[in-house]
Amino acid sequence: MKHETQVETLKILLKLREQGRDQAMLGEVVQIPVRNYTEPDILEREMATVFRDYPMVAGHASHVREPGSYLLSDWDKFPYVVIRDKEGILRAFLNTCRHRGARIVSGKEKLLKALVCPFHGWVYGLDDSLRSVTKEFAFPDLDRCKYGLKELPVAEHMGLIWIHPTPGATIDLASYLGVICDDIEHFEIDKLVSYRKTSVTKKANWKLLLKTYLEGYHVPFLHRNTIANVFKKGVIAHFEHGPHIRLAAARANILDVLQVDRELWRILKYASVYYTLFPNTFFIMHPDYVSINTFYPETADQTIWTHEMLYRKSEFEGECGKAALAKRFDYTNDVVFDLEDFAIAESVQVGLRNGANEFHTLGLEEGLLGIFQKSIDQALRQATG
C-alpha cells in the first residue's frame, strides 16, 4: 500500500474511532436468503460462473522459482499444475492425461523434467506437448499435436501465481484488481517465503466461511478470550474495486500514531489490513507475516479451506525465530480461525435447515457481507444474460 494511502486510511480510522462507528457500507439493513448457503442448484450456478469466469490465486510464487518446480491445485474439481519450464517460463495445464484422464503429477515428484502419466506411461514435455506414446503402433494415425495437455492462462504478479479456469481466457490483473493490485505490490509479498500450509475440509458453505472475516461486529464476543483486546474499540474502513474489497481494522493502539510524524506512519503498526480477492481468497496482512486463506466448495455445505503463512526470513532467524513462527501459526490457524471463526460457521450451517430463519439479517456494521454477496449475485446475473 502506498504511503499516502496508508496515511489517508489511518486518518479515516482515527475519525471513525472518534465517532464510534465503522465507515458507511451499504447504509441499510439487508437480508440474505439462507438458501444461498444450502441449495445445490445455487452452488452449481456458482461453479459455472464465479469459479469459471474469473482468475484465482493459485499460491505463492516461491513454490515455482526454479525450472522444473511446480505448484499443484488444492481442489479436485479444478485439478491443475503450474510449472516453471526449462526457459524459466511459467506454464499451467489441467493435471489430466489426454489418453484416459489419469492425474499426471501427484505432488510426490521433485523437480520435473517431463510429465509422465502413471497409468500408461504417456510422456509430455513441460511445454504441454505430447512427446511419446507407449506402443504407439496401437494408435494408428494419432496426431500428437492434438493431444497435448490442456493449457490454462497463468500469470505471476505481486509475488502470487494467478490462474484462470477457462482455457483461452486472458488475465489482466492491473484491470481486474485496480488500486488493490498496487496496494499488495507495495507490501512486497514477492520477498516473503512460505512457512506452512494446511488444507482442511469444513462443514460449512464456502461463502459462510469467507464472510466471517468481513465484519468486526462479532469480535468482542466470539474472540473475547483471544484477539478482542487487540481490536478494543476497533473500527473498520473499507475500499472496493469491482468485486474486491480492502478493509482496515483499527487496533487498540491506534491513538499512538498521533505521537508519530506522518512521514513515519506505517499502517500495519496500528491496524490490520485485509483483502478479499474475488472470488475465493482472503488475505490478512499482519505486521510480520501474511495469511492467505482460500475456500474451495465441495458441496453446498462442505468446503476445502487452505491457509498458508508467508514470512520474511530476516525477521525469524534461528531457533527462537522458528519457535515464534510456530506459535503464530498455531494461534492464528488452530485457535482463532479453526476453533472460533469456522467452528461458529459450522454451527450456523447446522441451523440453516431447521426453519428458524428464512433470511440472515445484516446490520449496518455487517454491510461488507452484503457487498460480497452482491458481487456473487451480479456474476450469476451476467452469466445468464
Protein backbone atom coordinates (compact mmCIF):
# COMPACT_ATOMS: atom_id res chain seq x y z
CA MET A 1 0.00 0.00 0.00
CA LYS A 2 1.45 3.39 -0.98
CA HIS A 3 2.44 5.60 1.93
CA GLU A 4 -0.14 8.25 1.08
CA THR A 5 -2.85 5.57 1.08
CA GLN A 6 -1.67 4.32 4.47
CA VAL A 7 -1.82 7.84 5.89
CA GLU A 8 -5.27 8.51 4.44
CA THR A 9 -6.62 5.19 5.73
CA LEU A 10 -5.25 5.82 9.22
CA LYS A 11 -6.83 9.29 9.22
CA ILE A 12 -10.17 7.74 8.33
CA LEU A 13 -9.80 5.17 11.12
CA LEU A 14 -8.98 7.87 13.66
CA LYS A 15 -12.07 9.83 12.69
CA LEU A 16 -14.25 6.73 12.80
CA ARG A 17 -12.91 5.82 16.23
CA GLU A 18 -13.81 9.26 17.48
CA GLN A 19 -17.33 8.77 16.11
CA GLY A 20 -17.50 5.23 17.50
CA ARG A 21 -18.67 3.60 14.27
CA ASP A 22 -17.46 1.86 11.12
CA GLN A 23 -17.20 3.56 7.76
CA ALA A 24 -20.54 3.66 5.96
CA MET A 25 -21.04 0.46 3.99
CA LEU A 26 -24.39 -0.33 2.41
CA GLY A 27 -26.15 2.22 4.60
CA GLU A 28 -29.12 -0.08 5.16
CA VAL A 29 -30.11 -3.29 6.88
CA VAL A 30 -30.20 -6.07 4.29
CA GLN A 31 -31.40 -9.66 4.25
CA ILE A 32 -29.67 -12.59 2.56
CA PRO A 33 -31.74 -15.75 1.93
CA VAL A 34 -30.27 -18.68 3.85
CA ARG A 35 -30.83 -20.87 0.79
CA ASN A 36 -27.71 -19.20 -0.63
CA TYR A 37 -25.79 -21.46 1.77
CA THR A 38 -27.78 -24.68 1.43
CA GLU A 39 -29.08 -25.21 -2.09
CA PRO A 40 -27.07 -27.40 -4.52
CA ASP A 41 -28.53 -25.59 -7.54
CA ILE A 42 -27.07 -22.28 -6.32
CA LEU A 43 -23.64 -23.87 -5.89
CA GLU A 44 -23.96 -25.39 -9.36
CA ARG A 45 -24.53 -21.92 -10.82
CA GLU A 46 -21.59 -20.52 -8.83
CA MET A 47 -19.35 -23.30 -10.13
CA ALA A 48 -20.32 -22.43 -13.71
CA THR A 49 -19.75 -18.69 -13.27
CA VAL A 50 -17.92 -17.45 -10.17
CA PHE A 51 -15.44 -20.33 -10.37
CA ARG A 52 -15.19 -20.30 -14.15
CA ASP A 53 -15.08 -16.70 -15.35
CA TYR A 54 -12.51 -15.09 -13.03
CA PRO A 55 -8.79 -15.54 -12.33
CA MET A 56 -7.95 -17.05 -8.96
CA VAL A 57 -4.93 -17.12 -6.68
CA ALA A 58 -3.10 -20.43 -7.11
CA GLY A 59 -0.42 -19.81 -4.49
CA HIS A 60 2.79 -18.00 -3.62
CA ALA A 61 5.46 -17.60 -6.31
CA SER A 62 8.17 -19.07 -4.06
CA HIS A 63 6.86 -22.54 -4.94
CA VAL A 64 7.86 -22.18 -8.60
CA ARG A 65 11.16 -20.29 -8.57
CA GLU A 66 13.42 -22.73 -10.42
CA PRO A 67 12.97 -24.73 -13.66
CA GLY A 68 11.07 -27.93 -13.04
CA SER A 69 9.43 -26.68 -9.84
CA TYR A 70 5.66 -26.85 -9.73
CA LEU A 71 2.51 -25.91 -7.83
CA LEU A 72 -0.49 -28.21 -7.61
CA SER A 73 -4.15 -27.40 -7.22
CA ASP A 74 -5.71 -27.99 -3.80
CA TRP A 75 -9.08 -28.73 -5.37
CA ASP A 76 -10.03 -31.88 -7.30
CA LYS A 77 -12.83 -30.01 -9.06
CA PHE A 78 -10.13 -27.93 -10.77
CA PRO A 79 -7.02 -30.16 -10.96
CA TYR A 80 -4.23 -28.06 -12.45
CA VAL A 81 -0.45 -27.98 -12.27
CA VAL A 82 1.65 -24.82 -12.62
CA ILE A 83 5.22 -25.43 -13.81
CA ARG A 84 8.35 -23.36 -14.39
CA ASP A 85 9.78 -24.73 -17.64
CA LYS A 86 13.46 -25.01 -18.68
CA GLU A 87 13.45 -21.48 -20.12
CA GLY A 88 12.00 -20.06 -16.92
CA ILE A 89 8.55 -19.53 -18.43
CA LEU A 90 5.56 -20.17 -16.20
CA ARG A 91 3.03 -22.62 -17.64
CA ALA A 92 -0.20 -24.14 -16.38
CA PHE A 93 -2.14 -27.21 -17.51
CA LEU A 94 -5.04 -29.30 -16.40
CA ASN A 95 -3.38 -32.12 -14.48
CA THR A 96 -5.10 -34.71 -16.65
CA CYS A 97 -3.69 -37.14 -19.20
CA ARG A 98 -5.22 -36.77 -22.66
CA HIS A 99 -5.35 -40.55 -23.08
CA ARG A 100 -7.60 -41.88 -20.30
CA GLY A 101 -7.74 -38.93 -17.94
CA ALA A 102 -5.40 -40.05 -15.16
CA ARG A 103 -3.78 -37.48 -12.86
CA ILE A 104 -0.21 -36.97 -14.07
CA VAL A 105 1.58 -35.07 -11.29
CA SER A 106 0.88 -36.45 -7.80
CA GLY A 107 2.88 -33.97 -5.73
CA LYS A 108 5.46 -36.55 -4.65
CA GLU A 109 7.76 -35.69 -7.56
CA LYS A 110 10.73 -33.39 -7.03
CA LEU A 111 11.87 -31.18 -9.93
CA LEU A 112 10.14 -32.18 -13.14
CA LYS A 113 11.99 -32.81 -16.39
CA ALA A 114 8.92 -34.24 -18.12
CA LEU A 115 5.38 -35.24 -17.22
CA VAL A 116 4.81 -39.00 -17.27
CA CYS A 117 1.35 -40.47 -16.86
CA PRO A 118 1.47 -43.22 -14.20
CA PHE A 119 -1.37 -45.15 -15.89
CA HIS A 120 0.09 -45.97 -19.33
CA GLY A 121 3.34 -44.03 -19.48
CA TRP A 122 2.46 -41.31 -21.99
CA VAL A 123 5.10 -38.58 -21.76
CA TYR A 124 4.51 -34.82 -22.02
CA GLY A 125 7.06 -32.02 -22.18
CA LEU A 126 6.98 -29.07 -19.81
CA ASP A 127 5.65 -27.08 -22.77
CA ASP A 128 2.45 -29.25 -22.83
CA SER A 129 3.44 -31.23 -25.94
CA LEU A 130 2.86 -34.97 -26.17
CA ARG A 131 6.41 -36.35 -26.56
CA SER A 132 5.88 -40.10 -26.67
CA VAL A 133 3.14 -42.71 -26.61
CA THR A 134 3.62 -46.21 -25.20
CA LYS A 135 3.25 -48.75 -28.03
CA GLU A 136 2.41 -46.01 -30.49
CA PHE A 137 1.65 -48.63 -33.14
CA ALA A 138 -1.59 -49.29 -31.22
CA PHE A 139 -2.73 -45.77 -32.09
CA PRO A 140 -2.53 -45.58 -35.89
CA ASP A 141 -2.86 -42.09 -37.33
CA LEU A 142 -2.66 -40.45 -33.88
CA ASP A 143 -1.87 -36.76 -34.31
CA ARG A 144 0.26 -35.85 -31.30
CA CYS A 145 -0.33 -32.15 -31.91
CA LYS A 146 -3.97 -32.65 -30.96
CA TYR A 147 -3.18 -34.50 -27.74
CA GLY A 148 -1.05 -32.03 -25.82
CA LEU A 149 -2.04 -31.15 -22.27
CA LYS A 150 -4.88 -28.69 -21.94
CA GLU A 151 -3.17 -25.35 -21.28
CA LEU A 152 -4.56 -22.71 -18.90
CA PRO A 153 -3.87 -18.98 -18.64
CA VAL A 154 -1.38 -18.25 -15.85
CA ALA A 155 0.38 -15.13 -14.58
CA GLU A 156 2.85 -14.13 -11.88
CA HIS A 157 2.27 -10.81 -10.18
CA MET A 158 2.75 -9.30 -6.71
CA GLY A 159 4.57 -12.45 -5.59
CA LEU A 160 1.49 -14.53 -6.38
CA ILE A 161 0.61 -17.08 -9.04
CA TRP A 162 -2.74 -16.46 -10.72
CA ILE A 163 -4.59 -18.99 -12.85
CA HIS A 164 -7.73 -18.78 -14.95
CA PRO A 165 -10.02 -21.82 -15.01
CA THR A 166 -11.03 -21.29 -18.64
CA PRO A 167 -8.61 -22.25 -21.45
CA GLY A 168 -8.06 -19.38 -23.86
CA ALA A 169 -9.11 -16.68 -21.38
CA THR A 170 -6.88 -13.71 -20.59
CA ILE A 171 -5.55 -12.48 -17.25
CA ASP A 172 -5.32 -8.70 -16.93
CA LEU A 173 -4.60 -8.21 -13.26
CA ALA A 174 -4.00 -4.46 -13.49
CA SER A 175 -7.54 -4.03 -14.75
CA TYR A 176 -9.06 -6.75 -12.61
CA LEU A 177 -7.60 -5.59 -9.27
CA GLY A 178 -7.11 -1.89 -9.95
CA VAL A 179 -5.70 0.03 -6.99
CA ILE A 180 -5.69 -3.15 -4.91
CA CYS A 181 -3.04 -4.54 -7.25
CA ASP A 182 -0.82 -1.58 -6.41
CA ASP A 183 -1.65 -1.98 -2.71
CA ILE A 184 -0.44 -5.54 -2.42
CA GLU A 185 2.61 -4.90 -4.56
CA HIS A 186 3.83 -2.31 -2.03
CA PHE A 187 3.62 -4.90 0.76
CA GLU A 188 6.36 -6.84 -1.12
CA ILE A 189 4.74 -10.26 -0.93
CA ASP A 190 7.27 -11.44 -3.50
CA LYS A 191 10.06 -11.14 -0.92
CA LEU A 192 8.34 -13.48 1.54
CA VAL A 193 8.64 -17.25 1.73
CA SER A 194 6.16 -19.94 2.70
CA TYR A 195 6.28 -21.26 6.26
CA ARG A 196 3.44 -23.77 6.30
CA LYS A 197 0.22 -24.58 4.51
CA THR A 198 -2.75 -26.58 5.76
CA SER A 199 -5.80 -27.96 3.96
CA VAL A 200 -8.93 -28.90 5.92
CA THR A 201 -12.49 -29.69 4.92
CA LYS A 202 -15.02 -27.68 6.92
CA LYS A 203 -18.73 -28.50 7.17
CA ALA A 204 -20.00 -25.13 6.02
CA ASN A 205 -20.76 -23.28 2.80
CA TRP A 206 -17.74 -21.52 1.27
CA LYS A 207 -19.40 -18.08 1.42
CA LEU A 208 -20.36 -18.55 5.06
CA LEU A 209 -16.72 -19.26 5.94
CA LEU A 210 -15.29 -16.34 3.97
CA LYS A 211 -17.85 -13.91 5.33
CA THR A 212 -16.69 -14.46 8.91
CA TYR A 213 -13.73 -12.24 8.01
CA LEU A 214 -15.83 -9.38 6.65
CA GLU A 215 -17.18 -7.83 9.85
CA GLY A 216 -15.89 -6.86 13.27
CA TYR A 217 -19.30 -7.00 14.94
CA HIS A 218 -18.57 -10.48 16.30
CA VAL A 219 -15.06 -9.81 17.63
CA PRO A 220 -15.91 -8.74 21.24
CA PHE A 221 -17.98 -11.90 21.69
CA LEU A 222 -16.63 -14.75 19.57
CA HIS A 223 -13.00 -13.70 20.15
CA ARG A 224 -13.36 -12.35 23.69
CA ASN A 225 -10.55 -14.59 25.01
CA THR A 226 -8.19 -14.18 22.05
CA ILE A 227 -7.98 -11.15 19.76
CA ALA A 228 -10.75 -8.94 21.19
CA ASN A 229 -8.30 -6.84 23.23
CA VAL A 230 -6.17 -6.24 20.14
CA PHE A 231 -9.13 -4.56 18.46
CA LYS A 232 -10.67 -2.93 21.54
CA LYS A 233 -12.85 -0.05 20.33
CA GLY A 234 -11.75 -1.02 16.84
CA VAL A 235 -13.45 0.35 13.76
CA ILE A 236 -13.31 -0.65 10.10
CA ALA A 237 -12.62 1.39 6.96
CA HIS A 238 -13.04 -0.21 3.56
CA PHE A 239 -12.39 0.32 -0.14
CA GLU A 240 -13.85 -1.52 -3.13
CA HIS A 241 -12.66 -2.11 -6.66
CA GLY A 242 -15.15 -4.13 -8.63
CA PRO A 243 -15.81 -7.31 -6.60
CA HIS A 244 -12.64 -6.93 -4.50
CA ILE A 245 -12.59 -5.43 -1.00
CA ARG A 246 -9.87 -3.94 1.14
CA LEU A 247 -10.66 -3.39 4.80
CA ALA A 248 -8.55 -1.95 7.58
CA ALA A 249 -9.41 -2.63 11.23
CA ALA A 250 -8.04 -0.25 13.84
CA ARG A 251 -6.03 -1.85 16.62
CA ALA A 252 -6.26 -0.81 20.26
CA ASN A 253 -3.04 1.23 19.93
CA ILE A 254 -4.20 3.39 17.02
CA LEU A 255 -4.09 6.62 19.05
CA ASP A 256 -0.31 6.12 19.38
CA VAL A 257 0.02 7.14 15.74
CA LEU A 258 -0.77 10.73 16.77
CA GLN A 259 2.59 10.84 18.57
CA VAL A 260 4.49 9.97 15.38
CA ASP A 261 5.42 12.17 12.43
CA ARG A 262 3.18 11.36 9.46
CA GLU A 263 6.18 10.52 7.32
CA LEU A 264 6.74 7.57 9.65
CA TRP A 265 3.16 6.31 9.73
CA ARG A 266 3.03 2.59 8.87
CA ILE A 267 -0.45 1.16 8.81
CA LEU A 268 0.40 -2.35 9.99
CA LYS A 269 1.65 -0.94 13.29
CA TYR A 270 -1.79 0.45 14.11
CA ALA A 271 -4.27 -1.55 12.03
CA SER A 272 -4.75 -4.93 10.42
CA VAL A 273 -5.32 -4.86 6.67
CA TYR A 274 -7.38 -7.48 4.85
CA TYR A 275 -8.15 -8.15 1.20
CA THR A 276 -10.96 -10.16 -0.29
CA LEU A 277 -9.69 -11.15 -3.73
CA PHE A 278 -12.74 -12.28 -5.64
CA PRO A 279 -13.92 -14.92 -5.77
CA ASN A 280 -12.45 -17.11 -3.01
CA THR A 281 -9.25 -15.75 -1.45
CA PHE A 282 -8.83 -13.72 1.72
CA PHE A 283 -5.51 -12.06 2.59
CA ILE A 284 -4.59 -10.98 6.11
CA MET A 285 -1.63 -8.63 6.43
CA HIS A 286 -0.07 -8.98 9.87
CA PRO A 287 2.89 -6.79 10.94
CA ASP A 288 5.38 -9.63 10.49
CA TYR A 289 3.63 -12.30 8.43
CA VAL A 290 0.83 -12.81 5.92
CA SER A 291 -2.05 -15.31 5.94
CA ILE A 292 -3.55 -16.48 2.65
CA ASN A 293 -6.91 -18.18 3.12
CA THR A 294 -8.66 -19.81 0.17
CA PHE A 295 -12.05 -21.52 0.04
CA TYR A 296 -12.99 -24.25 -2.45
CA PRO A 297 -16.60 -25.53 -2.40
CA GLU A 298 -17.05 -29.30 -2.42
CA THR A 299 -20.79 -29.34 -1.80
CA ALA A 300 -23.27 -26.71 -0.67
CA ASP A 301 -22.35 -27.46 2.95
CA GLN A 302 -18.71 -28.59 2.69
CA THR A 303 -15.65 -26.53 1.79
CA ILE A 304 -11.92 -27.11 1.50
CA TRP A 305 -10.16 -24.36 3.44
CA THR A 306 -6.45 -23.80 2.86
CA HIS A 307 -4.31 -21.48 4.95
CA GLU A 308 -0.74 -20.61 4.02
CA MET A 309 1.52 -18.44 6.17
CA LEU A 310 4.20 -16.33 4.49
CA TYR A 311 7.03 -14.65 6.37
CA ARG A 312 10.21 -12.65 5.95
CA LYS A 313 13.27 -14.77 6.70
CA SER A 314 15.26 -11.92 8.19
CA GLU A 315 12.65 -11.44 10.93
CA PHE A 316 12.52 -15.08 12.09
CA GLU A 317 16.08 -16.36 12.29
CA GLY A 318 17.49 -19.13 14.46
CA GLU A 319 15.69 -21.43 16.86
CA CYS A 320 13.88 -18.55 18.56
CA GLY A 321 12.58 -17.37 15.18
CA LYS A 322 11.30 -20.84 14.30
CA ALA A 323 9.58 -21.14 17.67
CA ALA A 324 7.94 -17.73 17.18
CA LEU A 325 6.70 -18.74 13.73
CA ALA A 326 5.23 -21.97 15.03
CA LYS A 327 3.49 -20.11 17.85
CA ARG A 328 1.99 -17.54 15.47
CA PHE A 329 0.76 -20.18 13.06
CA ASP A 330 -0.77 -22.41 15.73
CA TYR A 331 -2.50 -19.47 17.40
CA THR A 332 -3.85 -17.97 14.17
CA ASN A 333 -4.72 -21.20 12.37
CA ASP A 334 -5.80 -23.55 15.13
CA VAL A 335 -7.31 -21.19 17.70
CA VAL A 336 -8.66 -18.03 16.06
CA PHE A 337 -9.60 -19.41 12.63
CA ASP A 338 -10.49 -23.04 13.28
CA LEU A 339 -11.83 -23.15 16.84
CA GLU A 340 -13.56 -19.77 16.75
CA ASP A 341 -14.38 -18.37 13.29
CA PHE A 342 -15.02 -21.61 11.46
CA ALA A 343 -16.44 -23.57 14.37
CA ILE A 344 -19.21 -20.96 14.63
CA ALA A 345 -19.70 -21.08 10.84
CA GLU A 346 -20.19 -24.84 11.05
CA SER A 347 -22.66 -24.30 13.89
CA VAL A 348 -24.58 -21.80 11.74
CA GLN A 349 -24.62 -24.25 8.83
CA VAL A 350 -26.27 -26.92 11.02
CA GLY A 351 -29.03 -24.48 11.94
CA LEU A 352 -29.78 -23.29 8.42
CA ARG A 353 -32.23 -26.06 7.61
CA ASN A 354 -34.31 -26.03 10.81
CA GLY A 355 -36.64 -23.30 9.58
CA ALA A 356 -35.84 -20.73 12.24
CA ASN A 357 -34.61 -18.21 9.67
CA GLU A 358 -35.54 -17.67 6.06
CA PHE A 359 -33.01 -14.83 5.87
CA HIS A 360 -29.86 -13.66 7.60
CA THR A 361 -30.41 -10.05 8.65
CA LEU A 362 -27.28 -7.90 8.35
CA GLY A 363 -26.89 -4.74 10.41
CA LEU A 364 -25.07 -1.59 9.31
CA GLU A 365 -21.71 -2.91 10.59
CA GLU A 366 -22.15 -6.11 8.55
CA GLY A 367 -22.54 -4.36 5.21
CA LEU A 368 -19.44 -5.90 3.66
CA LEU A 369 -21.14 -9.29 3.77
CA GLY A 370 -23.92 -7.82 1.67
CA ILE A 371 -21.43 -6.19 -0.69
CA PHE A 372 -19.63 -9.50 -1.21
CA GLN A 373 -22.93 -11.29 -1.82
CA LYS A 374 -23.94 -8.63 -4.35
CA SER A 375 -20.73 -9.33 -6.30
CA ILE A 376 -21.64 -13.01 -6.47
CA ASP A 377 -25.22 -12.26 -7.45
CA GLN A 378 -24.00 -9.90 -10.16
CA ALA A 379 -21.68 -12.58 -11.56
CA LEU A 380 -24.61 -15.01 -11.72
CA ARG A 381 -26.82 -12.45 -13.45
CA GLN A 382 -24.15 -11.58 -16.03
CA ALA A 383 -23.72 -15.25 -16.90
CA THR A 384 -27.45 -15.65 -17.59
CA GLY A 385 -27.57 -12.51 -19.70
